[in-house]
Amino acid sequence: MRLKRFFSICLLLMSVVAVKAADLKPVLPINHWTTKNGVPVYFVAKSQIPIVDISIIFHAGSAYDDSSPGIAQFTSQMLNQGTRNLTVDQIADRFESAGARYNVVINQDMVIFQLRSLSKPEFFTPAFNTFAELISHANFPQAAVYRTKKQIEIALQQEEQTPTSIARNTFYRILYGQHPYALSLLGTTQSVEQITRTKLVNFYQRYYVDKNAIIAIVGNVTQDKAAILAEQLASALPKGEKVVPLPIPTSQLTDRIYKIHYLSQQTTIMLGQIGITLKDPDYFPLMLGNQILGGGILTSQLFSEVRNKRGLCYGISSHFNLLQAKGPFIISLQTRSNQASTALSITQNTLENFVAKGPSEAELMAAKRALIGSFPLTIANNAAILDSLEKIGFYELPLNYLDKYRDNFVNVNVRQVHNAFQKHIKPDKFLIIMVGKN
């Protein structure tokens, strides 16, 4: 054991040296500017492969659904269904003939429209022009509204029959109460049925505007060309205002344990509380602590206690869902219904013990190795870099965020992790959702 610990210390010291050496130059040189109409742009040149990735991000996630739950998701699915100049088939044909890929990502905070294209002009130009047309001139054909509505209703039916979806939606609804994060991404069957073309167009015109947008570009293109592309994309957006910041959520639970009957041999358990934002001063200690508690898939304390020692589940994990306002801290697992109470009890005991005692030096070193060692994956390819730029841009993180990322982990000590968990994590106030034969 002493020899093993010696090698662990050596490996961590090597990581520290590597991080300090990396400080001599930016890990990821990010160029940043704003367009003439005020849209922030983030750009990284990558000429190794002939690909260009572009995304435009709007503050238009499900937290802005207001009185029409599901409308943000619905709107995001409609952009490639037709524009003032192109039909849905023409849009698909144009992307296919250029070998381009169009993608949409949405969560509570944001909606992201992404284009991946070959950088040669004969492929890129038609793909980019089609992408710009979707963003700025979607026309929401009535037939597509009807078709998309049916697709969402089918997805909702599937959610209603899936224990993990039932647990997740119930968890957010109860934990966040009147806060916008309580809303389900897809909405409800009743709310989606009431969404009309007029409501979709109004949402589009309110949120898909210049002051509410961010642009990220990565790939085989010069900065001058990237600036031209960003201006073309931004100038086509209608003028509008940025959304007001979301309110800070507070939890006012009347009951802590909710049991939902579901006819299954398995019980899905989800427990947690309101957590933190990316900008929280305790972000790095909490990420390291979570890696030790439940973030390490096969190495965490929860996995060891609940799965390895007692065989009460196939898998168990914990994570912070980091959002613009405070996202939740969640522990989730599935277990046989006849041992659900035992699995929950062991999970709670493990959590309480970790909050009370904190990690050991050896556990902290292992967590640092894991998180520092996985860092290169965040900048390993165009898609990963684009994802990093989207996060930096949307959450207004400093441009050197990635440069200091590994240093920020290296500098955390055991006491900081312990203090952070005692400050933020309150096991006796956790919301508990159990879906199964309770």
Protein backbone atom coordinates (compact mmCIF):
# COMPACT_ATOMS: atom_id res chain seq x y z
CA MET A 1 0.00 0.00 0.00
CA ARG A 2 2.86 2.40 0.79
CA LEU A 3 4.42 1.76 -2.61
CA LYS A 4 1.08 2.32 -4.31
CA ARG A 5 0.62 5.60 -2.46
CA PHE A 6 4.15 6.66 -3.41
CA PHE A 7 3.38 6.14 -7.10
CA SER A 8 0.10 8.02 -6.70
CA ILE A 9 1.96 11.01 -5.29
CA CYS A 10 4.51 10.84 -8.10
CA LEU A 11 1.77 10.79 -10.74
CA LEU A 12 0.04 13.77 -9.21
CA LEU A 13 3.30 15.71 -9.01
CA MET A 14 3.87 14.98 -12.69
CA SER A 15 0.39 16.34 -13.41
CA VAL A 16 1.20 19.51 -11.45
CA VAL A 17 4.41 20.02 -13.44
CA ALA A 18 2.50 19.52 -16.68
CA VAL A 19 -0.14 22.05 -15.62
CA LYS A 20 2.47 24.64 -14.63
CA ALA A 21 4.23 24.16 -17.96
CA ALA A 22 0.94 24.58 -19.78
CA ASP A 23 0.52 28.00 -18.14
CA LEU A 24 3.29 29.37 -20.37
CA LYS A 25 0.86 29.55 -23.27
CA PRO A 26 -2.93 29.37 -23.64
CA VAL A 27 -4.37 25.88 -23.68
CA LEU A 28 -6.89 27.04 -26.26
CA PRO A 29 -6.30 30.45 -27.89
CA ILE A 30 -9.80 31.94 -28.05
CA ASN A 31 -10.52 35.00 -30.18
CA HIS A 32 -13.46 37.07 -29.01
CA TRP A 33 -15.27 40.09 -30.46
CA THR A 34 -18.78 41.42 -30.99
CA THR A 35 -20.56 41.97 -34.28
CA LYS A 36 -21.82 45.38 -35.39
CA ASN A 37 -25.20 44.70 -33.83
CA GLY A 38 -23.68 43.49 -30.56
CA VAL A 39 -23.66 39.69 -30.86
CA PRO A 40 -20.71 38.14 -28.94
CA VAL A 41 -18.51 35.88 -31.09
CA TYR A 42 -16.03 33.21 -29.91
CA PHE A 43 -13.63 31.73 -32.43
CA VAL A 44 -10.89 29.09 -32.46
CA ALA A 45 -8.94 28.35 -35.64
CA LYS A 46 -8.26 24.64 -36.28
CA SER A 47 -6.73 23.89 -39.66
CA GLN A 48 -5.80 20.25 -39.07
CA ILE A 49 -8.96 18.94 -40.70
CA PRO A 50 -11.09 20.57 -43.47
CA ILE A 51 -14.13 21.09 -41.24
CA VAL A 52 -15.93 24.17 -39.92
CA ASP A 53 -18.31 24.02 -36.94
CA ILE A 54 -20.64 26.91 -36.21
CA SER A 55 -23.22 27.36 -33.51
CA ILE A 56 -25.61 30.12 -32.60
CA ILE A 57 -26.94 30.07 -29.05
CA PHE A 58 -30.04 31.82 -27.74
CA HIS A 59 -31.26 32.39 -24.19
CA ALA A 60 -34.40 30.48 -25.09
CA GLY A 61 -34.51 27.21 -23.16
CA SER A 62 -37.49 25.72 -21.37
CA ALA A 63 -37.14 28.18 -18.48
CA TYR A 64 -38.73 30.73 -20.83
CA ASP A 65 -41.79 28.62 -21.62
CA ASP A 66 -43.87 30.74 -19.24
CA SER A 67 -47.56 29.83 -19.69
CA SER A 68 -46.91 27.40 -22.56
CA PRO A 69 -44.79 24.50 -21.21
CA GLY A 70 -42.95 22.82 -24.08
CA ILE A 71 -42.96 25.81 -26.44
CA ALA A 72 -39.17 26.33 -26.38
CA GLN A 73 -38.57 22.72 -27.41
CA PHE A 74 -41.37 22.88 -29.98
CA THR A 75 -39.98 26.08 -31.53
CA SER A 76 -36.46 24.66 -31.77
CA GLN A 77 -37.75 21.66 -33.73
CA MET A 78 -39.54 23.87 -36.27
CA LEU A 79 -36.64 25.82 -37.77
CA ASN A 80 -35.71 23.18 -40.36
CA GLN A 81 -39.35 22.54 -41.30
CA GLY A 82 -39.53 25.40 -43.77
CA THR A 83 -38.48 29.01 -44.42
CA ARG A 84 -39.86 31.78 -46.59
CA ASN A 85 -37.75 30.44 -49.50
CA LEU A 86 -37.25 26.72 -48.78
CA THR A 87 -39.46 23.73 -48.07
CA VAL A 88 -38.54 21.07 -45.54
CA ASP A 89 -37.45 18.73 -48.36
CA GLN A 90 -35.29 21.40 -49.97
CA ILE A 91 -33.60 22.11 -46.65
CA ALA A 92 -32.81 18.44 -46.14
CA ASP A 93 -31.55 18.08 -49.72
CA ARG A 94 -29.26 21.09 -49.41
CA PHE A 95 -27.60 19.84 -46.25
CA GLU A 96 -27.31 16.32 -47.66
CA SER A 97 -25.82 17.39 -50.98
CA ALA A 98 -23.21 19.49 -49.17
CA GLY A 99 -22.39 16.67 -46.75
CA ALA A 100 -23.31 19.01 -43.88
CA ARG A 101 -24.90 18.21 -40.53
CA TYR A 102 -27.49 20.35 -38.76
CA ASN A 103 -28.21 19.75 -35.09
CA VAL A 104 -30.27 21.27 -32.28
CA VAL A 105 -29.51 21.07 -28.54
CA ILE A 106 -31.81 22.47 -25.87
CA ASN A 107 -31.92 22.54 -22.09
CA GLN A 108 -33.51 24.73 -19.42
CA ASP A 109 -31.26 27.71 -20.18
CA MET A 110 -30.50 27.73 -23.88
CA VAL A 111 -31.13 26.44 -27.36
CA ILE A 112 -28.13 25.80 -29.61
CA PHE A 113 -28.28 25.46 -33.39
CA GLN A 114 -25.18 23.80 -34.83
CA LEU A 115 -23.78 23.40 -38.34
CA ARG A 116 -20.90 21.13 -39.29
CA SER A 117 -19.62 21.42 -42.86
CA LEU A 118 -16.59 20.73 -45.02
CA SER A 119 -14.60 23.93 -45.37
CA LYS A 120 -14.25 23.87 -49.17
CA PRO A 121 -16.40 26.69 -50.59
CA GLU A 122 -18.39 24.42 -52.90
CA PHE A 123 -19.67 22.57 -49.82
CA PHE A 124 -19.51 25.20 -47.12
CA THR A 125 -21.21 28.10 -48.89
CA PRO A 126 -24.54 26.36 -49.64
CA ALA A 127 -24.56 24.71 -46.21
CA PHE A 128 -23.92 28.01 -44.40
CA ASN A 129 -26.49 29.90 -46.47
CA THR A 130 -29.10 27.26 -45.67
CA PHE A 131 -28.20 27.39 -41.98
CA ALA A 132 -28.50 31.21 -41.92
CA GLU A 133 -31.87 30.95 -43.71
CA LEU A 134 -33.22 28.61 -41.02
CA ILE A 135 -32.13 30.81 -38.15
CA SER A 136 -33.48 34.10 -39.49
CA HIS A 137 -36.37 33.19 -41.81
CA ALA A 138 -38.20 30.15 -40.44
CA ASN A 139 -41.89 30.40 -41.40
CA PHE A 140 -43.52 27.61 -39.35
CA PRO A 141 -45.70 25.89 -41.98
CA GLN A 142 -49.03 24.79 -40.51
CA ALA A 143 -48.62 21.21 -41.77
CA ALA A 144 -45.23 20.99 -40.03
CA VAL A 145 -46.71 22.41 -36.82
CA TYR A 146 -49.31 19.64 -36.83
CA ARG A 147 -46.72 16.94 -37.64
CA THR A 148 -44.23 18.12 -35.00
CA LYS A 149 -46.97 18.35 -32.39
CA LYS A 150 -47.83 14.70 -32.98
CA GLN A 151 -44.18 13.72 -32.66
CA ILE A 152 -43.87 15.56 -29.34
CA GLU A 153 -47.05 13.94 -28.05
CA ILE A 154 -45.60 10.51 -28.86
CA ALA A 155 -42.40 11.45 -27.01
CA LEU A 156 -44.50 12.54 -24.03
CA GLN A 157 -46.32 9.21 -24.02
CA GLN A 158 -42.96 7.44 -23.96
CA GLU A 159 -41.82 9.62 -21.05
CA GLU A 160 -44.97 8.75 -19.12
CA GLN A 161 -44.04 5.07 -19.45
CA THR A 162 -40.35 5.45 -18.53
CA PRO A 163 -39.49 5.35 -14.80
CA THR A 164 -36.36 7.50 -15.12
CA SER A 165 -38.30 10.20 -16.98
CA ILE A 166 -41.12 10.07 -14.44
CA ALA A 167 -38.61 10.41 -11.59
CA ARG A 168 -36.69 13.24 -13.28
CA ASN A 169 -39.75 15.31 -14.21
CA THR A 170 -41.28 14.84 -10.76
CA PHE A 171 -37.98 15.74 -9.09
CA TYR A 172 -37.64 19.04 -10.97
CA ARG A 173 -41.33 19.93 -10.61
CA ILE A 174 -41.37 19.48 -6.83
CA LEU A 175 -37.87 20.77 -6.08
CA TYR A 176 -38.24 23.99 -8.06
CA GLY A 177 -41.92 24.69 -7.39
CA GLN A 178 -42.79 28.05 -8.98
CA HIS A 179 -39.33 28.56 -10.50
CA PRO A 180 -39.05 28.15 -14.32
CA TYR A 181 -36.72 25.15 -13.88
CA ALA A 182 -39.73 23.20 -12.62
CA LEU A 183 -41.06 22.97 -16.18
CA SER A 184 -40.49 19.78 -18.16
CA LEU A 185 -38.56 20.26 -21.39
CA LEU A 186 -41.30 18.65 -23.48
CA GLY A 187 -44.15 20.22 -21.54
CA THR A 188 -47.31 18.21 -20.99
CA THR A 189 -49.81 16.64 -23.37
CA GLN A 190 -52.30 19.34 -22.44
CA SER A 191 -49.88 22.27 -22.82
CA VAL A 192 -48.49 21.06 -26.15
CA GLU A 193 -51.99 20.57 -27.54
CA GLN A 194 -52.70 24.25 -26.85
CA ILE A 195 -49.57 25.52 -28.66
CA THR A 196 -50.55 27.15 -31.95
CA ARG A 197 -48.55 28.41 -34.89
CA THR A 198 -49.14 31.98 -33.66
CA LYS A 199 -47.64 31.15 -30.26
CA LEU A 200 -44.61 29.53 -31.89
CA VAL A 201 -44.03 32.55 -34.14
CA ASN A 202 -44.37 34.91 -31.16
CA PHE A 203 -41.80 32.89 -29.16
CA TYR A 204 -39.44 32.86 -32.16
CA GLN A 205 -39.78 36.60 -32.68
CA ARG A 206 -39.23 37.35 -29.00
CA TYR A 207 -36.21 35.17 -28.27
CA TYR A 208 -34.41 34.55 -31.56
CA VAL A 209 -33.04 38.10 -31.76
CA ASP A 210 -29.64 39.76 -31.94
CA LYS A 211 -29.20 40.86 -28.31
CA ASN A 212 -30.22 37.39 -27.11
CA ALA A 213 -27.66 35.49 -29.23
CA ILE A 214 -24.07 34.23 -29.04
CA ILE A 215 -22.04 32.82 -31.94
CA ALA A 216 -19.25 30.23 -31.72
CA ILE A 217 -17.03 29.16 -34.65
CA VAL A 218 -14.33 26.47 -34.71
CA GLY A 219 -12.36 25.06 -37.59
CA ASN A 220 -10.55 25.48 -40.87
CA VAL A 221 -11.23 29.14 -41.49
CA THR A 222 -9.26 32.36 -40.90
CA GLN A 223 -10.31 34.90 -38.31
CA ASP A 224 -11.13 37.41 -41.06
CA LYS A 225 -13.42 34.88 -42.71
CA ALA A 226 -14.95 33.96 -39.35
CA ALA A 227 -15.72 37.64 -38.76
CA ILE A 228 -17.50 37.84 -42.12
CA LEU A 229 -19.54 34.70 -41.35
CA ALA A 230 -20.49 36.02 -37.91
CA GLU A 231 -21.61 39.35 -39.39
CA GLN A 232 -23.73 37.55 -41.99
CA LEU A 233 -25.38 35.39 -39.36
CA ALA A 234 -25.89 38.21 -36.85
CA SER A 235 -27.06 40.87 -39.29
CA ALA A 236 -29.90 38.63 -40.46
CA LEU A 237 -31.31 38.42 -36.92
CA PRO A 238 -34.11 40.79 -36.02
CA LYS A 239 -33.43 43.45 -33.42
CA GLY A 240 -34.52 42.61 -29.90
CA GLU A 241 -33.58 42.53 -26.25
CA LYS A 242 -31.67 40.05 -24.12
CA VAL A 243 -33.77 38.18 -21.59
CA VAL A 244 -33.68 39.27 -17.96
CA PRO A 245 -31.67 36.95 -15.68
CA LEU A 246 -33.57 34.03 -14.21
CA PRO A 247 -34.51 34.35 -10.53
CA ILE A 248 -32.43 32.50 -7.95
CA PRO A 249 -34.36 29.34 -7.00
CA THR A 250 -35.21 28.46 -3.43
CA SER A 251 -36.73 25.18 -2.35
CA GLN A 252 -39.80 25.20 -0.08
CA LEU A 253 -40.56 21.52 0.33
CA THR A 254 -43.64 20.56 2.32
CA ASP A 255 -42.78 16.86 2.08
CA ARG A 256 -39.40 15.26 1.45
CA ILE A 257 -40.34 11.78 0.23
CA TYR A 258 -42.62 11.09 -2.76
CA LYS A 259 -43.47 7.54 -3.82
CA ILE A 260 -44.96 6.99 -7.27
CA HIS A 261 -46.47 3.61 -8.03
CA TYR A 262 -45.10 1.96 -11.17
CA LEU A 263 -45.58 -1.72 -11.92
CA SER A 264 -42.00 -2.93 -12.24
CA GLN A 265 -39.50 -5.20 -10.52
CA GLN A 266 -37.17 -2.21 -10.30
CA THR A 267 -37.51 0.98 -8.27
CA THR A 268 -35.92 4.16 -9.61
CA ILE A 269 -34.64 6.45 -6.87
CA MET A 270 -33.63 10.08 -7.31
CA LEU A 271 -32.62 12.30 -4.42
CA GLY A 272 -31.05 15.70 -4.17
CA GLN A 273 -31.34 19.42 -3.61
CA ILE A 274 -30.75 22.76 -5.32
CA GLY A 275 -27.03 23.11 -6.05
CA ILE A 276 -24.71 25.75 -7.50
CA THR A 277 -23.79 27.66 -10.65
CA LEU A 278 -20.58 27.48 -12.69
CA LYS A 279 -19.40 30.73 -11.11
CA ASP A 280 -19.73 29.56 -7.51
CA PRO A 281 -16.42 30.05 -5.61
CA ASP A 282 -16.69 26.46 -4.38
CA TYR A 283 -17.12 25.00 -7.88
CA PHE A 284 -13.75 23.21 -8.04
CA PRO A 285 -13.82 21.73 -4.51
CA LEU A 286 -17.38 20.53 -5.13
CA MET A 287 -16.46 18.92 -8.45
CA LEU A 288 -13.59 17.04 -6.82
CA GLY A 289 -15.79 16.01 -3.90
CA ASN A 290 -18.49 14.79 -6.25
CA GLN A 291 -15.94 12.74 -8.17
CA ILE A 292 -15.11 10.96 -4.91
CA LEU A 293 -18.69 10.63 -3.70
CA GLY A 294 -20.49 9.50 -6.85
CA GLY A 295 -18.96 10.95 -10.01
CA GLY A 296 -16.36 8.24 -10.51
CA ILE A 297 -18.42 5.52 -12.19
CA LEU A 298 -16.54 2.52 -10.77
CA THR A 299 -14.45 4.18 -8.06
CA SER A 300 -16.81 6.36 -6.04
CA GLN A 301 -17.85 5.84 -2.44
CA LEU A 302 -21.49 5.38 -3.45
CA PHE A 303 -20.57 2.73 -6.02
CA SER A 304 -18.39 0.96 -3.49
CA GLU A 305 -20.93 0.96 -0.66
CA VAL A 306 -24.17 0.37 -2.55
CA ARG A 307 -23.02 -1.73 -5.52
CA ASN A 308 -19.72 -3.45 -4.75
CA LYS A 309 -20.13 -4.31 -1.07
CA ARG A 310 -23.85 -5.04 -1.02
CA GLY A 311 -24.94 -5.64 -4.63
CA LEU A 312 -27.99 -3.41 -4.21
CA CYS A 313 -27.88 -1.89 -7.69
CA TYR A 314 -26.13 -2.12 -11.04
CA GLY A 315 -25.04 1.48 -10.97
CA ILE A 316 -25.30 4.63 -8.86
CA SER A 317 -24.00 8.12 -9.53
CA SER A 318 -24.16 11.73 -8.39
CA HIS A 319 -23.72 14.94 -10.32
CA PHE A 320 -24.26 18.70 -10.30
CA ASN A 321 -26.44 19.87 -13.18
CA LEU A 322 -24.86 23.28 -13.74
CA LEU A 323 -27.30 25.89 -15.03
CA GLN A 324 -27.52 29.68 -15.27
CA ALA A 325 -29.50 29.84 -12.05
CA LYS A 326 -28.75 27.17 -9.47
CA GLY A 327 -29.17 23.73 -11.01
CA PRO A 328 -29.69 20.64 -8.85
CA PHE A 329 -27.33 18.21 -7.16
CA ILE A 330 -28.70 14.72 -7.87
CA ILE A 331 -27.98 11.15 -6.78
CA SER A 332 -29.72 8.48 -8.86
CA LEU A 333 -29.93 4.70 -8.86
CA GLN A 334 -32.17 1.76 -9.74
CA THR A 335 -32.61 -1.25 -7.51
CA ARG A 336 -34.94 -4.21 -7.00
CA SER A 337 -38.19 -3.03 -5.46
CA ASN A 338 -37.90 -5.40 -2.49
CA GLN A 339 -34.59 -3.81 -1.46
CA ALA A 340 -35.32 -0.17 -2.32
CA SER A 341 -35.53 0.96 1.31
CA THR A 342 -32.19 -0.66 2.11
CA ALA A 343 -30.49 0.84 -0.96
CA LEU A 344 -31.84 4.28 -0.11
CA SER A 345 -30.69 3.97 3.51
CA ILE A 346 -27.14 2.96 2.52
CA THR A 347 -27.03 5.80 -0.02
CA GLN A 348 -28.09 8.33 2.61
CA ASN A 349 -25.62 6.98 5.18
CA THR A 350 -22.76 7.17 2.67
CA LEU A 351 -23.68 10.73 1.75
CA GLU A 352 -24.01 11.82 5.38
CA ASN A 353 -20.67 10.23 6.26
CA PHE A 354 -18.94 11.99 3.37
CA VAL A 355 -20.39 15.38 4.31
CA ALA A 356 -19.44 14.83 7.95
CA LYS A 357 -15.87 13.57 7.41
CA GLY A 358 -14.81 14.71 3.94
CA PRO A 359 -12.39 12.80 1.68
CA SER A 360 -9.01 11.30 2.46
CA GLU A 361 -5.79 12.61 0.89
CA ALA A 362 -5.57 9.47 -1.25
CA GLU A 363 -9.15 9.91 -2.51
CA LEU A 364 -8.50 13.55 -3.35
CA MET A 365 -5.33 12.69 -5.27
CA ALA A 366 -7.20 10.04 -7.27
CA ALA A 367 -10.00 12.50 -8.04
CA LYS A 368 -7.50 15.11 -9.21
CA ARG A 369 -5.81 12.58 -11.49
CA ALA A 370 -9.18 11.61 -12.99
CA LEU A 371 -10.43 15.15 -13.63
CA ILE A 372 -7.08 16.57 -14.73
CA GLY A 373 -6.43 13.49 -16.86
CA SER A 374 -9.78 13.81 -18.63
CA PHE A 375 -9.29 17.51 -19.36
CA PRO A 376 -7.72 16.98 -22.84
CA LEU A 377 -11.03 15.45 -23.96
CA THR A 378 -12.64 18.89 -23.60
CA ILE A 379 -10.44 20.23 -26.41
CA ALA A 380 -9.74 17.00 -28.30
CA ASN A 381 -11.68 17.84 -31.47
CA ASN A 382 -13.80 20.52 -33.11
CA ALA A 383 -17.03 19.37 -31.49
CA ALA A 384 -15.48 19.37 -28.01
CA ILE A 385 -13.97 22.81 -28.54
CA LEU A 386 -17.30 24.14 -29.83
CA ASP A 387 -18.98 22.81 -26.70
CA SER A 388 -16.40 24.62 -24.55
CA LEU A 389 -16.89 27.88 -26.46
CA GLU A 390 -20.67 27.62 -26.09
CA LYS A 391 -20.30 27.23 -22.33
CA ILE A 392 -17.76 30.05 -21.99
CA GLY A 393 -19.88 32.36 -24.12
CA PHE A 394 -23.29 31.62 -22.67
CA TYR A 395 -22.25 31.64 -19.02
CA GLU A 396 -19.87 34.59 -19.56
CA LEU A 397 -16.81 32.82 -18.23
CA PRO A 398 -13.35 34.41 -18.63
CA LEU A 399 -11.46 33.66 -21.84
CA ASN A 400 -8.67 32.04 -19.82
CA TYR A 401 -11.13 29.69 -18.07
CA LEU A 402 -9.65 26.61 -19.76
CA ASP A 403 -6.07 27.83 -19.25
CA LYS A 404 -6.56 27.85 -15.47
CA TYR A 405 -8.92 24.86 -15.30
CA ARG A 406 -6.36 22.23 -14.28
CA ASP A 407 -4.54 24.61 -11.91
CA ASN A 408 -7.80 25.23 -10.12
CA PHE A 409 -8.12 21.50 -9.40
CA VAL A 410 -4.47 21.08 -8.39
CA ASN A 411 -4.72 23.83 -5.79
CA VAL A 412 -7.71 22.33 -3.92
CA ASN A 413 -7.00 20.64 -0.58
CA VAL A 414 -8.97 18.21 1.58
CA ARG A 415 -10.22 20.90 3.94
CA GLN A 416 -11.65 22.94 1.06
CA VAL A 417 -13.59 19.93 -0.24
CA HIS A 418 -14.88 19.13 3.25
CA ASN A 419 -15.91 22.73 3.92
CA ALA A 420 -17.61 23.09 0.53
CA PHE A 421 -19.75 19.99 1.03
CA GLN A 422 -20.69 21.01 4.56
CA LYS A 423 -21.66 24.46 3.30
CA HIS A 424 -23.68 23.41 0.25
CA ILE A 425 -24.96 19.85 0.73
CA LYS A 426 -27.70 19.28 3.33
CA PRO A 427 -28.66 15.57 3.35
CA ASP A 428 -31.46 16.09 5.87
CA LYS A 429 -33.20 18.44 3.43
CA PHE A 430 -32.95 16.26 0.32
CA LEU A 431 -35.97 15.65 -1.85
CA ILE A 432 -36.46 11.89 -2.47
CA ILE A 433 -38.41 10.49 -5.42
CA MET A 434 -39.11 6.73 -5.63
CA VAL A 435 -40.78 5.26 -8.72
CA GLY A 436 -41.71 1.57 -8.45
CA LYS A 437 -43.81 -0.92 -6.52
CA ASN A 438 -43.70 1.07 -3.29
